[in-house]
Amino acid sequence: MTLRIAIGSDHHGVAVRSKTAELLRNAGHTVDEFGPLPDNKQPVDYPDIAAAVAEEVHCGKVDRGILICGTGIGMCITANKFSGVRAAPVIDELSAELSRRHNDLNVLCISGDMLTEEMIYRIICVFLETSFDGGRHIRRLAKIEKIEEQLGMASPNG
């Protein structure tokens, strides 16, 4: 399955972001990168990067997003401000699998400081290869969408 993926990082994840983007492209995916260039060592603000990737997912320009910062938490908080975005900080392969199967996670948030590159790559592979189970989980996602509507969040289609 070939996917369109937006991957972004702040300064904590720039090296692993660049390597991951290259691996994903080599696997046949279309990848857009957001964040500082690999040789830039200056700090950047994670909300700016998270918003750029979340907007791509929200508008349907990409199928999935990947965000890498110090913990994955700040990126997650920002990304979830966009309707239609289901982001979670994921720390292992099981949580990556279950968040895809049960929650149709479309934005993976990862710690660039607390996980090894090998762990990050394994988590990303599970995130990209795992399908949404549907079934009873569809009803729950519909409830999340209803909450977004009640809060006045703009829908992905306008």
N, C-alpha and C. Protein backbone atom coordinates (compact mmCIF):
# COMPACT_ATOMS: atom_id res chain seq x y z
N MET A 1 0.85 -1.17 0.00
CA MET A 1 0.00 0.00 0.00
C MET A 1 0.89 1.24 0.00
N THR A 2 0.74 2.07 -0.99
CA THR A 2 1.48 3.31 -1.09
C THR A 2 0.69 4.43 -0.44
N LEU A 3 1.34 5.20 0.43
CA LEU A 3 0.67 6.27 1.16
C LEU A 3 1.31 7.62 0.87
N ARG A 4 0.51 8.66 1.07
CA ARG A 4 1.03 10.04 1.08
C ARG A 4 1.22 10.39 2.55
N ILE A 5 2.44 10.75 2.92
CA ILE A 5 2.78 10.95 4.32
C ILE A 5 3.42 12.32 4.51
N ALA A 6 2.98 13.04 5.54
CA ALA A 6 3.64 14.26 5.97
C ALA A 6 4.39 13.93 7.25
N ILE A 7 5.67 14.23 7.29
CA ILE A 7 6.47 13.96 8.48
C ILE A 7 7.14 15.26 8.92
N GLY A 8 7.00 15.56 10.19
CA GLY A 8 7.56 16.80 10.71
C GLY A 8 8.26 16.57 12.03
N SER A 9 9.21 17.45 12.31
CA SER A 9 9.92 17.37 13.59
C SER A 9 10.38 18.75 14.00
N ASP A 10 10.58 18.89 15.30
CA ASP A 10 11.31 20.05 15.77
C ASP A 10 12.79 19.64 15.80
N HIS A 11 13.61 20.41 16.48
CA HIS A 11 15.05 20.14 16.51
C HIS A 11 15.39 18.82 17.20
N HIS A 12 14.51 18.30 18.05
CA HIS A 12 14.79 17.03 18.74
C HIS A 12 14.74 15.83 17.79
N GLY A 13 14.00 15.95 16.71
CA GLY A 13 13.82 14.79 15.85
C GLY A 13 14.29 14.96 14.43
N VAL A 14 15.04 16.02 14.16
CA VAL A 14 15.38 16.31 12.76
C VAL A 14 16.21 15.20 12.11
N ALA A 15 17.16 14.63 12.82
CA ALA A 15 18.00 13.59 12.21
C ALA A 15 17.18 12.35 11.89
N VAL A 16 16.40 11.89 12.85
CA VAL A 16 15.60 10.68 12.62
C VAL A 16 14.50 10.97 11.59
N ARG A 17 13.97 12.19 11.56
CA ARG A 17 12.96 12.55 10.54
C ARG A 17 13.55 12.40 9.14
N SER A 18 14.73 12.93 8.93
CA SER A 18 15.35 12.87 7.61
C SER A 18 15.62 11.43 7.18
N LYS A 19 16.15 10.62 8.09
CA LYS A 19 16.41 9.21 7.78
C LYS A 19 15.11 8.46 7.51
N THR A 20 14.10 8.74 8.32
CA THR A 20 12.81 8.06 8.15
C THR A 20 12.17 8.45 6.83
N ALA A 21 12.21 9.72 6.49
CA ALA A 21 11.64 10.18 5.22
C ALA A 21 12.31 9.47 4.04
N GLU A 22 13.61 9.31 4.11
CA GLU A 22 14.33 8.62 3.05
C GLU A 22 13.90 7.15 2.96
N LEU A 23 13.79 6.49 4.11
CA LEU A 23 13.34 5.09 4.12
C LEU A 23 11.93 4.96 3.54
N LEU A 24 11.05 5.88 3.90
CA LEU A 24 9.68 5.83 3.41
C LEU A 24 9.62 6.06 1.91
N ARG A 25 10.41 6.99 1.42
CA ARG A 25 10.46 7.23 -0.04
C ARG A 25 10.99 5.99 -0.76
N ASN A 26 12.02 5.37 -0.20
CA ASN A 26 12.58 4.16 -0.80
C ASN A 26 11.58 3.01 -0.81
N ALA A 27 10.62 3.05 0.11
CA ALA A 27 9.57 2.03 0.17
C ALA A 27 8.41 2.36 -0.77
N GLY A 28 8.51 3.49 -1.49
CA GLY A 28 7.50 3.84 -2.48
C GLY A 28 6.46 4.86 -2.04
N HIS A 29 6.56 5.35 -0.82
CA HIS A 29 5.60 6.33 -0.32
C HIS A 29 5.96 7.74 -0.81
N THR A 30 4.97 8.59 -0.91
CA THR A 30 5.19 10.01 -1.19
C THR A 30 5.32 10.70 0.16
N VAL A 31 6.40 11.44 0.36
CA VAL A 31 6.69 12.03 1.66
C VAL A 31 6.98 13.51 1.53
N ASP A 32 6.29 14.31 2.35
CA ASP A 32 6.57 15.74 2.48
C ASP A 32 7.14 15.96 3.87
N GLU A 33 8.24 16.69 3.95
CA GLU A 33 8.89 16.95 5.24
C GLU A 33 8.63 18.37 5.71
N PHE A 34 8.47 18.51 7.04
CA PHE A 34 8.25 19.79 7.67
C PHE A 34 9.20 19.90 8.86
N GLY A 35 9.82 21.05 9.01
CA GLY A 35 10.71 21.28 10.13
C GLY A 35 12.06 21.76 9.67
N PRO A 36 12.99 21.90 10.60
CA PRO A 36 14.30 22.44 10.27
C PRO A 36 15.10 21.51 9.36
N LEU A 37 16.00 22.10 8.62
CA LEU A 37 16.92 21.32 7.79
C LEU A 37 17.86 20.53 8.70
N PRO A 38 18.38 19.40 8.20
CA PRO A 38 19.22 18.55 9.05
C PRO A 38 20.45 19.26 9.64
N ASP A 39 21.00 20.24 8.95
CA ASP A 39 22.20 20.91 9.46
C ASP A 39 21.87 22.09 10.37
N ASN A 40 20.58 22.38 10.58
CA ASN A 40 20.16 23.48 11.45
C ASN A 40 20.06 22.97 12.89
N LYS A 41 20.87 23.50 13.76
CA LYS A 41 20.88 23.07 15.16
C LYS A 41 20.10 24.02 16.06
N GLN A 42 19.47 25.05 15.47
CA GLN A 42 18.72 26.03 16.26
C GLN A 42 17.36 25.46 16.68
N PRO A 43 16.94 25.74 17.91
CA PRO A 43 15.62 25.28 18.35
C PRO A 43 14.50 25.89 17.51
N VAL A 44 13.46 25.12 17.28
CA VAL A 44 12.25 25.61 16.61
C VAL A 44 11.06 25.27 17.51
N ASP A 45 9.96 25.94 17.30
CA ASP A 45 8.77 25.73 18.11
C ASP A 45 7.92 24.61 17.54
N TYR A 46 7.74 23.56 18.31
CA TYR A 46 7.00 22.38 17.85
C TYR A 46 5.56 22.68 17.42
N PRO A 47 4.84 23.66 18.02
CA PRO A 47 3.46 23.88 17.55
C PRO A 47 3.39 24.26 16.07
N ASP A 48 4.40 24.99 15.58
CA ASP A 48 4.40 25.39 14.17
C ASP A 48 4.49 24.18 13.25
N ILE A 49 5.35 23.24 13.60
CA ILE A 49 5.55 22.04 12.78
C ILE A 49 4.32 21.13 12.88
N ALA A 50 3.83 20.95 14.10
CA ALA A 50 2.66 20.09 14.29
C ALA A 50 1.45 20.63 13.54
N ALA A 51 1.26 21.93 13.56
CA ALA A 51 0.13 22.54 12.85
C ALA A 51 0.25 22.33 11.35
N ALA A 52 1.45 22.44 10.82
CA ALA A 52 1.64 22.26 9.37
C ALA A 52 1.29 20.84 8.95
N VAL A 53 1.75 19.84 9.71
CA VAL A 53 1.45 18.45 9.38
C VAL A 53 -0.03 18.15 9.59
N ALA A 54 -0.58 18.61 10.71
CA ALA A 54 -2.01 18.37 11.00
C ALA A 54 -2.91 18.99 9.94
N GLU A 55 -2.54 20.15 9.44
CA GLU A 55 -3.31 20.80 8.38
C GLU A 55 -3.33 19.93 7.12
N GLU A 56 -2.20 19.31 6.80
CA GLU A 56 -2.12 18.42 5.64
C GLU A 56 -3.08 17.24 5.80
N VAL A 57 -3.14 16.68 6.99
CA VAL A 57 -4.05 15.56 7.27
C VAL A 57 -5.49 16.05 7.27
N HIS A 58 -5.75 17.14 7.96
CA HIS A 58 -7.09 17.73 8.06
C HIS A 58 -7.69 17.99 6.67
N CYS A 59 -6.89 18.52 5.77
CA CYS A 59 -7.37 18.88 4.42
C CYS A 59 -7.37 17.70 3.45
N GLY A 60 -6.87 16.55 3.87
CA GLY A 60 -6.85 15.38 3.01
C GLY A 60 -5.73 15.37 1.99
N LYS A 61 -4.73 16.23 2.17
CA LYS A 61 -3.59 16.25 1.24
C LYS A 61 -2.69 15.04 1.43
N VAL A 62 -2.72 14.46 2.64
CA VAL A 62 -1.93 13.26 2.92
C VAL A 62 -2.81 12.24 3.63
N ASP A 63 -2.38 11.00 3.59
CA ASP A 63 -3.10 9.92 4.26
C ASP A 63 -2.77 9.84 5.74
N ARG A 64 -1.51 10.08 6.06
CA ARG A 64 -1.04 9.96 7.44
C ARG A 64 0.00 11.02 7.73
N GLY A 65 0.14 11.32 9.02
CA GLY A 65 1.17 12.23 9.49
C GLY A 65 2.01 11.57 10.55
N ILE A 66 3.26 11.99 10.61
CA ILE A 66 4.19 11.53 11.64
C ILE A 66 4.86 12.78 12.22
N LEU A 67 4.85 12.89 13.54
CA LEU A 67 5.46 14.03 14.22
C LEU A 67 6.46 13.54 15.25
N ILE A 68 7.61 14.20 15.28
CA ILE A 68 8.67 13.81 16.20
C ILE A 68 9.15 15.06 16.94
N CYS A 69 9.06 15.01 18.28
CA CYS A 69 9.61 16.08 19.11
C CYS A 69 10.25 15.42 20.32
N GLY A 70 10.56 16.18 21.35
CA GLY A 70 11.23 15.61 22.52
C GLY A 70 10.48 14.45 23.12
N THR A 71 9.18 14.62 23.37
CA THR A 71 8.38 13.56 23.98
C THR A 71 7.28 13.03 23.07
N GLY A 72 6.88 13.80 22.07
CA GLY A 72 5.72 13.46 21.25
C GLY A 72 4.44 14.07 21.80
N ILE A 73 4.48 14.53 23.03
CA ILE A 73 3.26 15.02 23.67
C ILE A 73 2.86 16.40 23.18
N GLY A 74 3.80 17.33 23.11
CA GLY A 74 3.46 18.68 22.63
C GLY A 74 2.94 18.67 21.21
N MET A 75 3.55 17.88 20.36
CA MET A 75 3.08 17.75 18.98
C MET A 75 1.66 17.20 18.96
N CYS A 76 1.40 16.21 19.80
CA CYS A 76 0.09 15.58 19.86
C CYS A 76 -0.98 16.59 20.29
N ILE A 77 -0.70 17.36 21.31
CA ILE A 77 -1.66 18.36 21.79
C ILE A 77 -2.03 19.31 20.67
N THR A 78 -1.04 19.78 19.93
CA THR A 78 -1.28 20.72 18.83
C THR A 78 -2.06 20.06 17.71
N ALA A 79 -1.63 18.89 17.28
CA ALA A 79 -2.26 18.22 16.14
C ALA A 79 -3.74 17.94 16.39
N ASN A 80 -4.10 17.61 17.62
CA ASN A 80 -5.49 17.28 17.94
C ASN A 80 -6.41 18.48 17.96
N LYS A 81 -5.89 19.67 17.74
CA LYS A 81 -6.73 20.86 17.62
C LYS A 81 -7.43 20.91 16.25
N PHE A 82 -7.00 20.08 15.32
CA PHE A 82 -7.54 20.07 13.96
C PHE A 82 -8.58 18.96 13.83
N SER A 83 -9.77 19.31 13.34
CA SER A 83 -10.80 18.29 13.20
C SER A 83 -10.36 17.22 12.20
N GLY A 84 -10.80 16.02 12.48
CA GLY A 84 -10.43 14.90 11.61
C GLY A 84 -9.07 14.34 11.90
N VAL A 85 -8.30 15.00 12.74
CA VAL A 85 -6.98 14.49 13.11
C VAL A 85 -7.14 13.68 14.39
N ARG A 86 -6.57 12.48 14.35
CA ARG A 86 -6.55 11.61 15.51
C ARG A 86 -5.09 11.30 15.79
N ALA A 87 -4.51 12.08 16.70
CA ALA A 87 -3.09 11.96 17.02
C ALA A 87 -2.91 11.37 18.40
N ALA A 88 -1.82 10.61 18.57
CA ALA A 88 -1.50 10.05 19.88
C ALA A 88 0.01 9.90 20.01
N PRO A 89 0.53 10.14 21.22
CA PRO A 89 1.94 9.84 21.46
C PRO A 89 2.09 8.33 21.66
N VAL A 90 2.89 7.71 20.84
CA VAL A 90 3.03 6.26 20.85
C VAL A 90 4.46 5.90 21.27
N ILE A 91 4.57 4.95 22.20
CA ILE A 91 5.88 4.61 22.75
C ILE A 91 6.34 3.19 22.44
N ASP A 92 5.46 2.39 21.81
CA ASP A 92 5.86 1.02 21.50
C ASP A 92 5.00 0.49 20.35
N GLU A 93 5.37 -0.69 19.87
CA GLU A 93 4.67 -1.27 18.73
C GLU A 93 3.23 -1.65 19.04
N LEU A 94 2.95 -2.12 20.25
CA LEU A 94 1.59 -2.50 20.60
C LEU A 94 0.67 -1.28 20.61
N SER A 95 1.11 -0.18 21.19
CA SER A 95 0.25 1.01 21.19
C SER A 95 0.07 1.56 19.77
N ALA A 96 1.07 1.40 18.92
CA ALA A 96 0.92 1.80 17.52
C ALA A 96 -0.14 0.95 16.83
N GLU A 97 -0.07 -0.36 17.06
CA GLU A 97 -1.04 -1.27 16.44
C GLU A 97 -2.46 -1.00 16.93
N LEU A 98 -2.63 -0.90 18.23
CA LEU A 98 -3.98 -0.72 18.78
C LEU A 98 -4.56 0.65 18.44
N SER A 99 -3.73 1.66 18.38
CA SER A 99 -4.24 2.98 18.03
C SER A 99 -4.70 3.03 16.57
N ARG A 100 -4.10 2.24 15.71
CA ARG A 100 -4.55 2.14 14.31
C ARG A 100 -5.82 1.29 14.25
N ARG A 101 -5.78 0.11 14.86
CA ARG A 101 -6.90 -0.83 14.77
C ARG A 101 -8.17 -0.28 15.41
N HIS A 102 -8.05 0.35 16.55
CA HIS A 102 -9.23 0.78 17.31
C HIS A 102 -9.61 2.24 17.11
N ASN A 103 -8.62 3.10 16.86
CA ASN A 103 -8.88 4.54 16.79
C ASN A 103 -8.64 5.15 15.41
N ASP A 104 -8.23 4.35 14.46
CA ASP A 104 -7.90 4.83 13.11
C ASP A 104 -6.94 6.02 13.19
N LEU A 105 -5.94 5.89 14.05
CA LEU A 105 -4.95 6.94 14.25
C LEU A 105 -4.39 7.38 12.91
N ASN A 106 -4.39 8.70 12.66
CA ASN A 106 -3.83 9.17 11.40
C ASN A 106 -2.62 10.08 11.58
N VAL A 107 -2.29 10.42 12.82
CA VAL A 107 -1.06 11.17 13.10
C VAL A 107 -0.34 10.50 14.27
N LEU A 108 0.82 9.98 13.98
CA LEU A 108 1.66 9.31 14.95
C LEU A 108 2.61 10.34 15.56
N CYS A 109 2.64 10.42 16.89
CA CYS A 109 3.53 11.35 17.59
C CYS A 109 4.55 10.53 18.37
N ILE A 110 5.82 10.84 18.14
CA ILE A 110 6.90 10.01 18.68
C ILE A 110 7.92 10.87 19.41
N SER A 111 8.50 10.29 20.45
CA SER A 111 9.58 10.95 21.19
C SER A 111 10.91 10.76 20.46
N GLY A 112 11.54 11.87 20.13
CA GLY A 112 12.87 11.81 19.55
C GLY A 112 13.95 11.67 20.62
N ASP A 113 13.59 11.93 21.88
CA ASP A 113 14.57 11.89 22.97
C ASP A 113 14.55 10.59 23.76
N MET A 114 13.41 9.92 23.85
CA MET A 114 13.28 8.77 24.74
C MET A 114 13.29 7.42 24.02
N LEU A 115 13.24 7.44 22.69
CA LEU A 115 13.22 6.19 21.93
C LEU A 115 14.46 6.10 21.05
N THR A 116 14.92 4.89 20.83
CA THR A 116 16.04 4.71 19.90
C THR A 116 15.53 4.81 18.46
N GLU A 117 16.43 5.05 17.53
CA GLU A 117 16.03 5.09 16.12
C GLU A 117 15.40 3.77 15.70
N GLU A 118 15.95 2.66 16.15
CA GLU A 118 15.40 1.35 15.80
C GLU A 118 13.96 1.22 16.29
N MET A 119 13.70 1.65 17.53
CA MET A 119 12.34 1.59 18.06
C MET A 119 11.40 2.48 17.25
N ILE A 120 11.87 3.67 16.90
CA ILE A 120 11.06 4.60 16.13
C ILE A 120 10.69 3.98 14.79
N TYR A 121 11.64 3.38 14.10
CA TYR A 121 11.37 2.78 12.79
C TYR A 121 10.37 1.63 12.91
N ARG A 122 10.51 0.81 13.96
CA ARG A 122 9.57 -0.30 14.15
C ARG A 122 8.16 0.22 14.42
N ILE A 123 8.04 1.25 15.24
CA ILE A 123 6.74 1.85 15.54
C ILE A 123 6.11 2.41 14.27
N ILE A 124 6.91 3.11 13.48
CA ILE A 124 6.40 3.69 12.23
C ILE A 124 5.93 2.59 11.28
N CYS A 125 6.68 1.52 11.17
CA CYS A 125 6.27 0.41 10.29
C CYS A 125 4.93 -0.16 10.73
N VAL A 126 4.74 -0.37 12.02
CA VAL A 126 3.47 -0.89 12.52
C VAL A 126 2.35 0.12 12.23
N PHE A 127 2.61 1.39 12.47
CA PHE A 127 1.63 2.45 12.22
C PHE A 127 1.19 2.46 10.75
N LEU A 128 2.12 2.28 9.84
CA LEU A 128 1.79 2.34 8.42
C LEU A 128 1.18 1.05 7.89
N GLU A 129 1.51 -0.08 8.49
CA GLU A 129 1.04 -1.37 7.98
C GLU A 129 -0.25 -1.88 8.61
N THR A 130 -0.67 -1.28 9.72
CA THR A 130 -1.85 -1.76 10.43
C THR A 130 -3.10 -1.06 9.91
N SER A 131 -4.13 -1.85 9.65
CA SER A 131 -5.41 -1.33 9.17
C SER A 131 -6.36 -1.05 10.32
N PHE A 132 -7.30 -0.18 10.07
CA PHE A 132 -8.38 0.11 11.01
C PHE A 132 -9.35 -1.07 11.00
N ASP A 133 -9.75 -1.54 12.19
CA ASP A 133 -10.65 -2.68 12.30
C ASP A 133 -12.09 -2.37 11.89
N GLY A 134 -12.51 -1.13 11.99
CA GLY A 134 -13.90 -0.79 11.69
C GLY A 134 -14.82 -1.35 12.76
N GLY A 135 -15.96 -1.91 12.34
CA GLY A 135 -16.89 -2.53 13.29
C GLY A 135 -17.33 -1.57 14.37
N ARG A 136 -17.28 -2.03 15.62
CA ARG A 136 -17.76 -1.22 16.74
C ARG A 136 -16.99 0.08 16.90
N HIS A 137 -15.78 0.13 16.35
CA HIS A 137 -14.95 1.33 16.49
C HIS A 137 -15.46 2.49 15.64
N ILE A 138 -16.19 2.19 14.58
CA ILE A 138 -16.76 3.24 13.73
C ILE A 138 -17.73 4.10 14.54
N ARG A 139 -18.53 3.46 15.35
CA ARG A 139 -19.50 4.18 16.19
C ARG A 139 -18.77 5.16 17.13
N ARG A 140 -17.68 4.74 17.66
CA ARG A 140 -16.92 5.57 18.60
C ARG A 140 -16.27 6.75 17.89
N LEU A 141 -15.74 6.52 16.72
CA LEU A 141 -15.15 7.62 15.96
C LEU A 141 -16.22 8.63 15.54
N ALA A 142 -17.43 8.13 15.24
CA ALA A 142 -18.54 9.04 14.91
C ALA A 142 -18.88 9.93 16.10
N LYS A 143 -18.76 9.40 17.29
CA LYS A 143 -19.01 10.20 18.49
C LYS A 143 -17.95 11.30 18.64
N ILE A 144 -16.72 10.97 18.32
CA ILE A 144 -15.66 11.98 18.36
C ILE A 144 -15.95 13.08 17.35
N GLU A 145 -16.36 12.70 16.14
CA GLU A 145 -16.70 13.69 15.11
C GLU A 145 -17.85 14.58 15.57
N LYS A 146 -18.83 14.00 16.24
CA LYS A 146 -19.97 14.77 16.74
C LYS A 146 -19.50 15.78 17.79
N ILE A 147 -18.59 15.38 18.64
CA ILE A 147 -18.04 16.30 19.63
C ILE A 147 -17.32 17.46 18.92
N GLU A 148 -16.56 17.15 17.89
CA GLU A 148 -15.88 18.20 17.12
C GLU A 148 -16.89 19.19 16.55
N GLU A 149 -17.99 18.67 16.00
CA GLU A 149 -19.05 19.53 15.45
C GLU A 149 -19.68 20.39 16.55
N GLN A 150 -19.94 19.81 17.70
CA GLN A 150 -20.57 20.55 18.79
C GLN A 150 -19.65 21.66 19.31
N LEU A 151 -18.35 21.44 19.21
CA LEU A 151 -17.39 22.45 19.67
C LEU A 151 -17.11 23.49 18.58
N GLY A 152 -17.72 23.30 17.42
CA GLY A 152 -17.56 24.27 16.34
C GLY A 152 -16.25 24.16 15.59
N MET A 153 -15.65 23.00 15.65
CA MET A 153 -14.41 22.81 14.89
C MET A 153 -14.77 22.62 13.42
N ALA A 154 -14.02 23.27 12.56
CA ALA A 154 -14.30 23.18 11.12
C ALA A 154 -14.08 21.76 10.64
N SER A 155 -14.96 21.30 9.77
CA SER A 155 -14.82 19.96 9.21
C SER A 155 -13.70 19.95 8.19
N PRO A 156 -13.11 18.78 7.91
CA PRO A 156 -12.05 18.70 6.93
C PRO A 156 -12.49 19.15 5.53
N ASN A 157 -13.77 19.11 5.25
CA ASN A 157 -14.24 19.48 3.92
C ASN A 157 -14.70 20.93 3.82
N GLY A 158 -14.36 21.72 4.81
CA GLY A 158 -14.67 23.14 4.68
C GLY A 158 -15.26 23.66 5.90
